[in-house]
Protein backbone atom coordinates (compact mmCIF):
# COMPACT_ATOMS: atom_id res chain seq x y z
CA UNK A 1 73.24 -55.61 -18.69
CA UNK A 2 76.16 -57.64 -17.15
CA UNK A 3 73.86 -58.99 -14.46
CA UNK A 4 71.30 -60.10 -17.06
CA UNK A 5 74.02 -61.81 -19.15
CA UNK A 6 75.36 -63.69 -16.07
CA UNK A 7 71.79 -64.73 -15.11
CA UNK A 8 71.13 -65.94 -18.63
CA UNK A 9 74.34 -67.97 -18.65
CA UNK A 10 73.45 -69.51 -15.25
CA UNK A 11 69.96 -70.38 -16.57
CA UNK A 12 71.43 -71.93 -19.65
CA UNK A 13 73.85 -73.99 -17.54
CA UNK A 14 71.00 -75.19 -15.36
CA UNK A 15 68.99 -76.14 -18.39
CA UNK A 16 71.92 -78.07 -19.92
CA UNK A 17 72.31 -79.94 -16.52
CA UNK A 18 68.60 -80.72 -16.44
CA UNK A 19 68.79 -81.95 -20.06
CA UNK A 20 71.74 -84.17 -19.29
CA UNK A 21 69.93 -85.68 -16.34
CA UNK A 22 66.87 -86.38 -18.49
CA UNK A 23 68.99 -87.99 -21.20
CA UNK A 24 70.63 -90.28 -18.53
CA UNK A 25 67.26 -91.22 -17.09
CA UNK A 26 65.91 -91.90 -20.60
CA UNK A 27 68.92 -94.08 -21.44
CA UNK A 28 68.54 -96.04 -18.29
CA UNK A 29 64.83 -96.64 -18.99
CA UNK A 30 65.57 -97.58 -22.60
CA UNK A 31 68.11 -100.14 -21.34
CA UNK A 32 65.56 -101.55 -18.85
CA UNK A 33 62.91 -101.68 -21.53
CA UNK A 34 65.29 -103.53 -23.97
CA UNK A 35 66.26 -105.99 -21.30
CA UNK A 36 62.60 -106.63 -20.36
CA UNK A 37 61.51 -107.04 -24.04
CA UNK A 38 64.48 -109.38 -24.75
CA UNK A 39 63.50 -111.47 -21.74
CA UNK A 40 59.86 -111.67 -22.81
CA UNK A 41 60.62 -112.61 -26.34
CA UNK A 42 63.28 -115.23 -25.32
CA UNK A 43 60.86 -116.79 -22.95
CA UNK A 44 58.05 -116.92 -25.55
CA UNK A 45 60.18 -118.26 -28.36
CA UNK A 46 62.33 -120.84 -26.49
CA UNK A 47 59.46 -122.72 -24.84
CA UNK A 48 59.58 -125.44 -27.54
CA UNK A 49 63.27 -126.03 -26.93
CA UNK A 50 62.75 -126.43 -23.19
CA UNK A 51 60.01 -129.04 -24.02
CA UNK A 52 62.34 -131.02 -26.37
CA UNK A 53 65.09 -131.35 -23.80
CA UNK A 54 63.08 -134.14 -22.10
CA UNK A 55 64.24 -136.62 -24.74
CA UNK A 56 67.89 -135.96 -23.75
CA UNK A 57 69.03 -135.75 -27.39
CA UNK A 58 72.09 -133.82 -28.44
CA UNK A 59 71.34 -130.33 -29.61
CA UNK A 60 72.73 -129.07 -32.84
CA UNK A 61 73.07 -125.62 -34.34
CA UNK A 62 70.26 -126.20 -36.84
CA UNK A 63 67.11 -124.22 -36.08
CA UNK A 64 63.81 -125.85 -35.29
CA UNK A 65 60.66 -125.79 -37.25
CA UNK A 66 59.28 -122.88 -35.50
CA UNK A 67 62.25 -120.70 -36.27
CA UNK A 68 61.77 -121.68 -39.96
CA UNK A 69 58.22 -120.69 -39.92
CA UNK A 70 59.00 -117.35 -38.25
CA UNK A 71 61.76 -116.73 -40.89
CA UNK A 72 59.19 -117.35 -43.65
CA UNK A 73 56.84 -114.93 -42.02
CA UNK A 74 59.49 -112.29 -41.65
CA UNK A 75 60.61 -112.72 -45.22
CA UNK A 76 56.91 -112.46 -46.45
CA UNK A 77 56.45 -109.25 -44.49
CA UNK A 78 59.67 -107.76 -45.82
CA UNK A 79 58.61 -108.71 -49.36
CA UNK A 80 55.25 -107.01 -48.76
CA UNK A 81 56.97 -103.77 -47.55
CA UNK A 82 59.17 -103.90 -50.64
CA UNK A 83 56.10 -104.17 -52.92
CA UNK A 84 54.56 -101.09 -51.23
CA UNK A 85 57.67 -99.00 -51.28
CA UNK A 86 60.28 -98.38 -53.99
CA UNK A 87 61.92 -101.48 -55.62
CA UNK A 88 65.07 -102.60 -53.84
CA UNK A 89 67.69 -105.19 -54.80
CA UNK A 90 67.01 -108.58 -53.21
CA UNK A 91 70.68 -109.11 -52.13
CA UNK A 92 70.81 -105.88 -50.19
CA UNK A 93 70.11 -106.11 -46.50
CA UNK A 94 68.12 -103.09 -45.12
CA UNK A 95 69.16 -103.73 -41.54
CA UNK A 96 67.37 -102.97 -38.35
CA UNK A 97 65.52 -99.80 -37.63
CA UNK A 98 66.86 -96.93 -35.53
CA UNK A 99 67.41 -97.51 -31.78
CA UNK A 100 65.00 -96.42 -29.11
CA UNK A 101 67.22 -93.54 -27.91
CA UNK A 102 66.91 -91.64 -31.24
CA UNK A 103 63.17 -91.78 -31.19
CA UNK A 104 63.07 -90.51 -27.60
CA UNK A 105 65.49 -87.72 -28.37
CA UNK A 106 63.48 -86.68 -31.44
CA UNK A 107 60.37 -86.36 -29.25
CA UNK A 108 62.14 -84.04 -26.83
CA UNK A 109 62.11 -80.82 -29.01
CA UNK A 110 58.30 -81.04 -29.21
CA UNK A 111 58.14 -81.14 -25.44
CA UNK A 112 60.63 -78.39 -25.17
CA UNK A 113 58.47 -76.20 -27.30
CA UNK A 114 55.46 -76.95 -25.19
CA UNK A 115 57.45 -75.93 -22.08
CA UNK A 116 59.07 -72.97 -23.73
CA UNK A 117 57.81 -70.38 -21.26
CA UNK A 118 57.80 -72.72 -18.21
CA UNK A 119 60.58 -73.35 -15.75
CA UNK A 120 61.66 -76.92 -15.16
CA UNK A 121 60.07 -78.22 -11.92
CA UNK A 122 58.75 -81.38 -10.31
CA UNK A 123 55.58 -81.64 -12.34
CA UNK A 124 57.31 -81.22 -15.66
CA UNK A 125 59.88 -83.99 -14.77
CA UNK A 126 57.16 -86.40 -13.53
CA UNK A 127 55.22 -85.87 -16.75
CA UNK A 128 58.32 -86.58 -18.82
CA UNK A 129 59.03 -89.74 -16.88
CA UNK A 130 55.41 -90.85 -17.28
CA UNK A 131 55.47 -90.21 -20.99
CA UNK A 132 58.75 -92.12 -21.45
CA UNK A 133 57.79 -95.26 -19.51
CA UNK A 134 55.97 -96.86 -22.42
CA UNK A 135 58.28 -98.59 -24.94
CA UNK A 136 58.06 -98.10 -28.62
CA UNK A 137 56.69 -100.92 -30.78
CA UNK A 138 59.75 -100.84 -33.06
CA UNK A 139 62.08 -101.62 -30.15
CA UNK A 140 60.87 -105.26 -30.15
CA UNK A 141 62.36 -105.81 -33.59
CA UNK A 142 65.88 -105.11 -32.24
CA UNK A 143 65.69 -108.47 -30.37
CA UNK A 144 64.69 -110.85 -33.20
CA UNK A 145 67.08 -112.73 -35.42
CA UNK A 146 70.01 -112.65 -33.12
CA UNK A 147 72.05 -115.29 -35.10
CA UNK A 148 72.75 -112.96 -38.14
CA UNK A 149 76.27 -111.80 -37.44
CA UNK A 150 76.74 -109.90 -40.74
CA UNK A 151 73.59 -107.97 -40.24
CA UNK A 152 74.88 -106.92 -36.77
CA UNK A 153 78.05 -105.47 -38.29
CA UNK A 154 76.12 -103.50 -40.84
CA UNK A 155 73.66 -102.36 -38.25
CA UNK A 156 76.61 -101.22 -35.97
CA UNK A 157 78.03 -99.08 -38.87
CA UNK A 158 74.57 -97.60 -39.51
CA UNK A 159 74.07 -97.00 -35.85
CA UNK A 160 77.44 -95.16 -35.58
CA UNK A 161 76.40 -92.94 -38.55
CA UNK A 162 73.01 -92.35 -36.99
CA UNK A 163 74.60 -91.53 -33.68
CA UNK A 164 76.91 -89.00 -35.23
CA UNK A 165 74.00 -87.39 -37.17
CA UNK A 166 72.03 -87.43 -33.87
CA UNK A 167 74.79 -85.75 -31.99
CA UNK A 168 75.05 -83.02 -34.59
CA UNK A 169 71.29 -82.60 -34.53
CA UNK A 170 71.28 -82.35 -30.69
CA UNK A 171 74.12 -79.79 -30.76
CA UNK A 172 72.16 -77.69 -33.28
CA UNK A 173 69.09 -78.08 -31.16
CA UNK A 174 70.93 -76.93 -28.00
CA UNK A 175 72.31 -73.96 -29.86
CA UNK A 176 68.98 -73.02 -31.29
CA UNK A 177 67.30 -73.35 -27.86
CA UNK A 178 69.99 -71.31 -26.14
CA UNK A 179 69.79 -68.60 -28.78
CA UNK A 180 66.00 -68.61 -28.59
CA UNK A 181 65.92 -68.44 -24.84
CA UNK A 182 68.44 -65.57 -24.75
CA UNK A 183 66.65 -63.62 -27.42
CA UNK A 184 63.32 -64.18 -25.66
CA UNK A 185 64.77 -62.92 -22.41
CA UNK A 186 66.37 -59.93 -24.06
CA UNK A 187 63.10 -59.16 -25.87
CA UNK A 188 61.14 -59.42 -22.69
CA UNK A 189 63.64 -57.21 -20.70
CA UNK A 190 63.71 -54.58 -23.50
CA UNK A 191 59.88 -54.57 -23.89
CA UNK A 192 59.49 -54.24 -20.07
CA UNK A 193 62.00 -51.39 -19.91
CA UNK A 194 60.26 -49.60 -22.76
CA UNK A 195 56.86 -50.28 -21.15
CA UNK A 196 58.12 -48.98 -17.82
CA UNK A 197 59.69 -45.86 -19.30
CA UNK A 198 56.67 -45.05 -21.38
CA UNK A 199 54.32 -45.76 -18.46
CA UNK A 200 56.33 -43.44 -16.21
CA UNK A 201 56.47 -40.76 -18.84
CA UNK A 202 52.62 -41.07 -19.39
CA UNK A 203 52.03 -40.88 -15.62
CA UNK A 204 54.32 -37.85 -15.34
CA UNK A 205 52.56 -36.19 -18.28
CA UNK A 206 49.20 -36.88 -16.62
CA UNK A 207 50.54 -35.18 -13.43
CA UNK A 208 50.19 -38.01 -10.87
CA UNK A 209 52.25 -37.52 -7.66
CA UNK A 210 55.34 -39.69 -6.91
CA UNK A 211 53.80 -41.68 -3.97
CA UNK A 212 50.96 -42.92 -6.16
CA UNK A 213 53.49 -44.04 -8.75
CA UNK A 214 55.45 -45.91 -6.07
CA UNK A 215 52.25 -47.51 -4.69
CA UNK A 216 51.28 -48.73 -8.17
CA UNK A 217 54.72 -50.16 -8.82
CA UNK A 218 54.83 -51.85 -5.39
CA UNK A 219 51.36 -53.30 -5.86
CA UNK A 220 52.34 -54.60 -9.31
CA UNK A 221 55.59 -56.11 -8.07
CA UNK A 222 53.72 -58.59 -5.90
CA UNK A 223 52.67 -60.61 -8.93
CA UNK A 224 55.93 -60.41 -10.94
CA UNK A 225 58.59 -63.02 -11.65
CA UNK A 226 62.21 -62.47 -10.58
CA UNK A 227 63.12 -61.50 -14.17
CA UNK A 228 60.44 -58.89 -14.24
CA UNK A 229 61.50 -57.60 -10.84
CA UNK A 230 65.10 -57.26 -11.94
CA UNK A 231 64.04 -55.42 -15.17
CA UNK A 232 61.88 -53.14 -12.99
CA UNK A 233 64.82 -52.60 -10.65
CA UNK A 234 66.94 -51.57 -13.69
CA UNK A 235 64.21 -49.29 -14.93
CA UNK A 236 64.00 -47.72 -11.46
CA UNK A 237 67.71 -47.12 -11.45
CA UNK A 238 67.46 -45.43 -14.87
CA UNK A 239 64.55 -43.29 -13.61
CA UNK A 240 66.56 -42.34 -10.54
CA UNK A 241 69.50 -41.29 -12.78
CA UNK A 242 67.08 -39.23 -14.86
CA UNK A 243 65.67 -37.63 -11.67
CA UNK A 244 69.26 -36.86 -10.46
CA UNK A 245 70.09 -35.26 -13.80
CA UNK A 246 66.87 -33.19 -13.62
CA UNK A 247 67.74 -32.14 -10.01
CA UNK A 248 71.28 -31.19 -11.11
CA UNK A 249 69.81 -29.20 -14.03
CA UNK A 250 67.39 -27.37 -11.71
CA UNK A 251 70.11 -26.66 -9.07
CA UNK A 252 72.41 -25.36 -11.85
CA UNK A 253 69.59 -23.24 -13.18
CA UNK A 254 68.89 -21.87 -9.67
CA UNK A 255 72.53 -21.09 -9.14
CA UNK A 256 72.70 -19.31 -12.47
CA UNK A 257 69.57 -17.32 -11.57
CA UNK A 258 71.07 -16.39 -8.22
CA UNK A 259 74.35 -15.40 -9.80
CA UNK A 260 72.62 -13.38 -12.48
CA UNK A 261 70.56 -11.68 -9.77
CA UNK A 262 73.66 -10.88 -7.65
CA UNK A 263 75.51 -9.67 -10.72
CA UNK A 264 72.59 -7.44 -11.65
CA UNK A 265 72.42 -6.12 -8.08
CA UNK A 266 76.14 -5.48 -8.02
CA UNK A 267 75.85 -3.80 -11.37
CA UNK A 268 73.04 -1.57 -10.05
CA UNK A 269 75.03 -0.73 -6.90
CA UNK A 270 78.09 -0.09 -9.01
CA UNK A 271 76.10 2.20 -11.25
CA UNK A 272 74.64 4.04 -8.26
CA UNK A 273 78.17 4.44 -6.72
CA UNK A 274 79.41 5.64 -10.03
CA UNK A 275 76.62 8.26 -10.24
CA UNK A 276 77.38 9.36 -6.72
CA UNK A 277 81.11 9.66 -7.45
CA UNK A 278 80.32 11.50 -10.65
CA UNK A 279 78.13 13.91 -8.65
CA UNK A 280 80.86 14.38 -6.08
CA UNK A 281 83.31 14.98 -8.89
CA UNK A 282 81.07 17.69 -10.37
CA UNK A 283 80.58 19.33 -6.98
CA UNK A 284 84.38 19.17 -6.40
CA UNK A 285 84.96 20.79 -9.72
CA UNK A 286 82.45 23.52 -8.92
CA UNK A 287 84.18 24.05 -5.54
CA UNK A 288 87.60 24.16 -7.32
CA UNK A 289 86.29 26.72 -9.80
CA UNK A 290 84.89 28.91 -6.91
CA UNK A 291 88.26 28.50 -5.06
CA UNK A 292 90.11 29.47 -8.31
CA UNK A 293 87.88 32.58 -8.54
CA UNK A 294 88.53 33.50 -4.95
CA UNK A 295 92.21 32.89 -5.45
CA UNK A 296 92.26 35.17 -8.52
CA UNK A 297 90.42 37.87 -6.49
CA UNK A 298 93.00 37.47 -3.69
CA UNK A 299 95.78 37.69 -6.20
CA UNK A 300 94.34 40.89 -7.64
CA UNK A 301 94.01 42.25 -4.10
CA UNK A 302 97.66 41.36 -3.37
CA UNK A 303 98.72 43.14 -6.58
CA UNK A 304 96.88 46.19 -5.47
CA UNK A 305 98.46 46.10 -2.03
CA UNK A 306 101.88 45.73 -3.70
CA UNK A 307 101.13 48.79 -5.71
CA UNK A 308 100.11 50.64 -2.52
CA UNK A 309 103.47 49.60 -0.86
CA UNK A 310 105.39 50.97 -3.87
CA UNK A 311 103.58 54.20 -3.55
CA UNK A 312 104.34 54.33 0.21
CA UNK A 313 108.10 53.86 -0.55
CA UNK A 314 107.91 56.62 -3.01
CA UNK A 315 106.29 58.75 -0.47
CA UNK A 316 108.96 57.88 2.11
CA UNK A 317 111.64 58.86 -0.35
CA UNK A 318 109.88 62.15 -1.04
CA UNK A 319 109.56 62.72 2.70
CA UNK A 320 113.26 62.05 3.21
CA UNK A 321 113.97 64.43 0.32
CA UNK A 322 111.63 66.90 1.96
CA UNK A 323 113.36 66.30 5.31
CA UNK A 324 116.73 67.00 3.63
CA UNK A 325 115.29 70.02 1.97
CA UNK A 326 113.78 71.08 5.38
CA UNK A 327 117.11 70.63 6.98
CA UNK A 328 118.78 72.41 4.26
CA UNK A 329 116.37 75.11 4.34
CA UNK A 330 115.96 75.12 8.11
CA UNK A 331 117.57 78.40 8.26
CA UNK A 332 115.21 79.62 5.67
CA UNK A 333 112.28 78.03 7.56
CA UNK A 334 113.19 79.87 10.72
CA UNK A 335 112.62 82.99 8.89
CA UNK A 336 109.43 81.63 7.60
CA UNK A 337 107.89 80.19 10.80
CA UNK A 338 104.46 80.35 9.47
CA UNK A 339 105.38 78.18 6.59
CA UNK A 340 107.15 75.75 8.97
CA UNK A 341 104.07 75.45 11.18
CA UNK A 342 101.96 74.55 8.21
CA UNK A 343 104.52 72.09 6.94
CA UNK A 344 104.72 70.52 10.50
CA UNK A 345 100.89 70.05 10.56
CA UNK A 346 100.92 68.44 7.14
CA UNK A 347 103.75 66.18 8.25
CA UNK A 348 101.69 65.01 11.26
CA UNK A 349 98.69 64.30 9.06
CA UNK A 350 100.92 62.30 6.62
CA UNK A 351 102.43 60.32 9.46
CA UNK A 352 98.95 59.37 10.67
CA UNK A 353 98.00 58.20 7.24
CA UNK A 354 101.17 56.27 6.93
CA UNK A 355 100.47 54.44 10.26
CA UNK A 356 97.01 53.65 9.10
CA UNK A 357 98.33 52.27 5.76
CA UNK A 358 100.87 50.14 7.68
CA UNK A 359 98.25 48.58 9.88
CA UNK A 360 96.02 47.99 6.84
CA UNK A 361 98.98 46.24 5.07
CA UNK A 362 99.57 44.05 8.08
CA UNK A 363 95.93 43.04 8.28
CA UNK A 364 95.77 42.31 4.53
CA UNK A 365 98.89 40.26 4.54
CA UNK A 366 97.47 38.09 7.44
CA UNK A 367 94.25 37.59 5.60
CA UNK A 368 96.07 36.67 2.41
CA UNK A 369 98.20 34.15 4.34
CA UNK A 370 95.10 32.57 5.86
CA UNK A 371 93.47 32.41 2.38
CA UNK A 372 96.49 30.81 0.88
CA UNK A 373 96.55 28.19 3.68
CA UNK A 374 92.81 27.40 3.22
CA UNK A 375 93.33 27.25 -0.58
CA UNK A 376 96.22 24.77 -0.05
CA UNK A 377 94.17 22.63 2.35
CA UNK A 378 91.18 22.62 -0.02
CA UNK A 379 93.52 21.64 -2.90
CA UNK A 380 95.00 18.81 -0.86
CA UNK A 381 91.54 17.55 0.21
CA UNK A 382 90.38 17.65 -3.42
CA UNK A 383 93.49 15.71 -4.55
CA UNK A 384 92.78 13.06 -1.87
CA UNK A 385 89.09 12.82 -2.86
CA UNK A 386 90.00 12.56 -6.58
CA UNK A 387 92.60 9.82 -5.75
CA UNK A 388 89.99 7.89 -3.68
CA UNK A 389 87.48 8.30 -6.39
CA UNK A 390 89.91 7.04 -8.98
CA UNK A 391 90.78 3.98 -6.82
CA UNK A 392 87.07 3.33 -6.24
CA UNK A 393 86.49 3.60 -9.93
CA UNK A 394 89.36 1.25 -10.76
CA UNK A 395 88.08 -1.25 -8.13
CA UNK A 396 84.47 -1.03 -9.44
CA UNK A 397 85.81 -1.47 -12.94
CA UNK A 398 87.78 -4.54 -11.95
CA UNK A 399 84.77 -5.94 -10.05
CA UNK A 400 82.55 -5.23 -13.05
CA UNK A 401 85.06 -7.03 -15.33
CA UNK A 402 85.26 -9.95 -12.87
CA UNK A 403 81.47 -10.19 -12.67
CA UNK A 404 81.19 -10.02 -16.40
CA UNK A 405 83.74 -12.84 -16.67
CA UNK A 406 81.81 -14.86 -14.11
CA UNK A 407 78.61 -14.27 -16.09
CA UNK A 408 80.31 -15.42 -19.27
CA UNK A 409 81.68 -18.53 -17.49
CA UNK A 410 78.31 -19.32 -16.05
CA UNK A 411 76.69 -18.88 -19.42
CA UNK A 412 79.30 -21.16 -20.92
CA UNK A 413 78.69 -23.76 -18.14
CA UNK A 414 74.96 -23.49 -18.82
CA UNK A 415 75.57 -24.11 -22.47
CA UNK A 416 77.77 -27.03 -21.67
CA UNK A 417 75.22 -28.44 -19.31
CA UNK A 418 72.48 -27.93 -21.84
CA UNK A 419 74.64 -29.55 -24.50
CA UNK A 420 75.37 -32.59 -22.22
CA UNK A 421 71.61 -32.91 -21.43
CA UNK A 422 70.79 -32.75 -25.19
CA UNK A 423 73.49 -35.39 -25.86
CA UNK A 424 72.13 -37.65 -23.16
CA UNK A 425 68.64 -37.22 -24.42
CA UNK A 426 69.84 -37.97 -27.94
CA UNK A 427 71.71 -41.01 -26.61
CA UNK A 428 68.62 -42.28 -24.80
CA UNK A 429 66.55 -41.76 -27.99
CA UNK A 430 69.12 -43.60 -30.03
CA UNK A 431 69.25 -46.42 -27.43
CA UNK A 432 65.45 -46.64 -27.58
CA UNK A 433 65.59 -46.81 -31.40
CA UNK A 434 68.29 -49.45 -31.29
CA UNK A 435 66.36 -51.45 -28.71
CA UNK A 436 63.30 -51.23 -30.92
CA UNK A 437 65.29 -52.31 -34.00
CA UNK A 438 66.83 -55.20 -32.04
CA UNK A 439 63.41 -56.31 -30.86
CA UNK A 440 62.14 -56.30 -34.45
CA UNK A 441 65.14 -58.15 -35.73
CA UNK A 442 64.91 -60.68 -32.97
CA UNK A 443 61.25 -61.19 -33.66
CA UNK A 444 62.03 -61.69 -37.31
CA UNK A 445 64.79 -64.11 -36.63
CA UNK A 446 62.62 -66.04 -34.11
CA UNK A 447 59.69 -66.13 -36.59
CA UNK A 448 62.00 -67.33 -39.48
CA UNK A 449 63.78 -69.93 -37.25
CA UNK A 450 60.49 -71.19 -35.77
CA UNK A 451 58.93 -71.44 -39.18
CA UNK A 452 61.84 -73.30 -40.72
CA UNK A 453 62.29 -75.62 -37.74
CA UNK A 454 58.54 -76.32 -37.57
CA UNK A 455 58.40 -77.19 -41.25
CA UNK A 456 61.41 -79.49 -40.93
CA UNK A 457 60.07 -81.16 -37.74
CA UNK A 458 56.61 -81.60 -39.42
CA UNK A 459 58.27 -83.38 -42.40
CA UNK A 460 60.38 -85.62 -40.11
CA UNK A 461 57.38 -86.44 -37.92
CA UNK A 462 55.26 -87.28 -40.96
CA UNK A 463 57.89 -89.60 -42.30
CA UNK A 464 58.39 -91.15 -38.89
CA UNK A 465 54.65 -91.58 -38.48
CA UNK A 466 54.47 -93.37 -41.84
CA UNK A 467 57.34 -95.65 -40.89
CA UNK A 468 55.85 -96.37 -37.42
CA UNK A 469 52.54 -97.22 -39.02
CA UNK A 470 54.14 -99.75 -41.42
CA UNK A 471 56.21 -101.23 -38.63
CA UNK A 472 53.19 -101.41 -36.35
CA UNK A 473 51.35 -103.32 -39.06
CA UNK A 474 54.31 -105.64 -39.38
CA UNK A 475 54.58 -106.20 -35.66
CA UNK A 476 50.79 -106.82 -35.45
CA UNK A 477 51.13 -109.39 -38.22
CA UNK A 478 54.06 -111.13 -36.58
CA UNK A 479 52.32 -111.11 -33.23
CA UNK A 480 49.21 -112.71 -34.77
CA UNK A 481 51.37 -115.38 -36.44
CA UNK A 482 53.17 -116.10 -33.18
CA UNK A 483 49.91 -116.35 -31.33
CA UNK A 484 48.60 -118.75 -33.95
CA UNK A 485 51.73 -120.95 -33.75
CA UNK A 486 51.50 -120.94 -30.02
CA UNK A 487 47.87 -122.00 -30.15
CA UNK A 488 48.77 -124.70 -32.71
CA UNK A 489 51.59 -125.98 -30.41
CA UNK A 490 49.28 -126.05 -27.45
């Protein structure tokens, strides 16, 4: 965009410089032609004066006979023109025709149109010089009748007016040509861009590989102008940007797919761990229930043992009472030895049973202590496992929440990237539509400008051709009269 504008500005500057050089050359050639024509006419008219100087008479300001004849001829030709054209007052002086420079400058737009799509080179400059070497027939009339001072003043005013109009016309022409060239270049660039983009899209839709596309483009670039190569370079840059965007989109999509797969795998592993933990909790609960049942059984056994201990104490009290009774009644027992022997035997049996009960109580208390220790250990282990499971559960929940947040963020990023891509696609579409509308508007403007300018130039050329025909007839008539006078003098 900016490079193209700079390039267009440089081209316009070069064209302006070339046009200025052409105008200088044309002015120099016009001056040379005027000088040569004045020399030729002065030499042909003043031969009679050089012949009369042999008599050595004093020259006066009065004109000779030949000049009178020529004046009569000029007046007759002007009257004949007036009879053909509209009636004009006899006192009014029409003046001289336009100078040679204006005619040459008016012929330049036609040449510029012919060389509209060509760059200025050696051949074009040589052709212009060859075309401009021949003088116009009307330029000879600028030399005749040099002694009319009033006519010169009027002609100078008219020349100034015509020069002002000519400068305005040249400025308008330069502006028109610059606008036309810039618009043509813009249209060409836009059409090439659109053609390149459509061609690449068609080739991609057809499924050709990238190396064939590059070979086609490299083969086509051999026969392209620098403008076309620059436009193709811009199109390639746009295509590279589109490819980068597509690669970014594909990489983002792959990253999203990978993250989704990882999240799904982590969710599956979390679910499996959660199921395992739940199973372990169920088994721990079952073990706790079994341990609770065992503990209840052991508590019942301990209660039974406590009841047995109470019964033993009661027995001991009774035995003591019996011992006291025995001591109190020892005297009586002595009398009753048989009863004492029986009581002694029963006491031995009771003591044996008491020892057995004592040993059984010691064994039962040790077993109860071991069971209580085991129960406490199992309870502590279960508490640790439950705490670990709760920590694992909390960590898994935090991980699942974090992964869920990441998934949501990635989904938002994906939506943002899709939205950005859609916006860029819409922008490209809108730019394409704008380029097409600009192309259509520029074509319409060019068509209208070209039609209007062609119509105006046709009318001016037709009028100028009519004037040149009339003036050529006059010049032919004057030349014939001059030739006749010369033959008469000879």
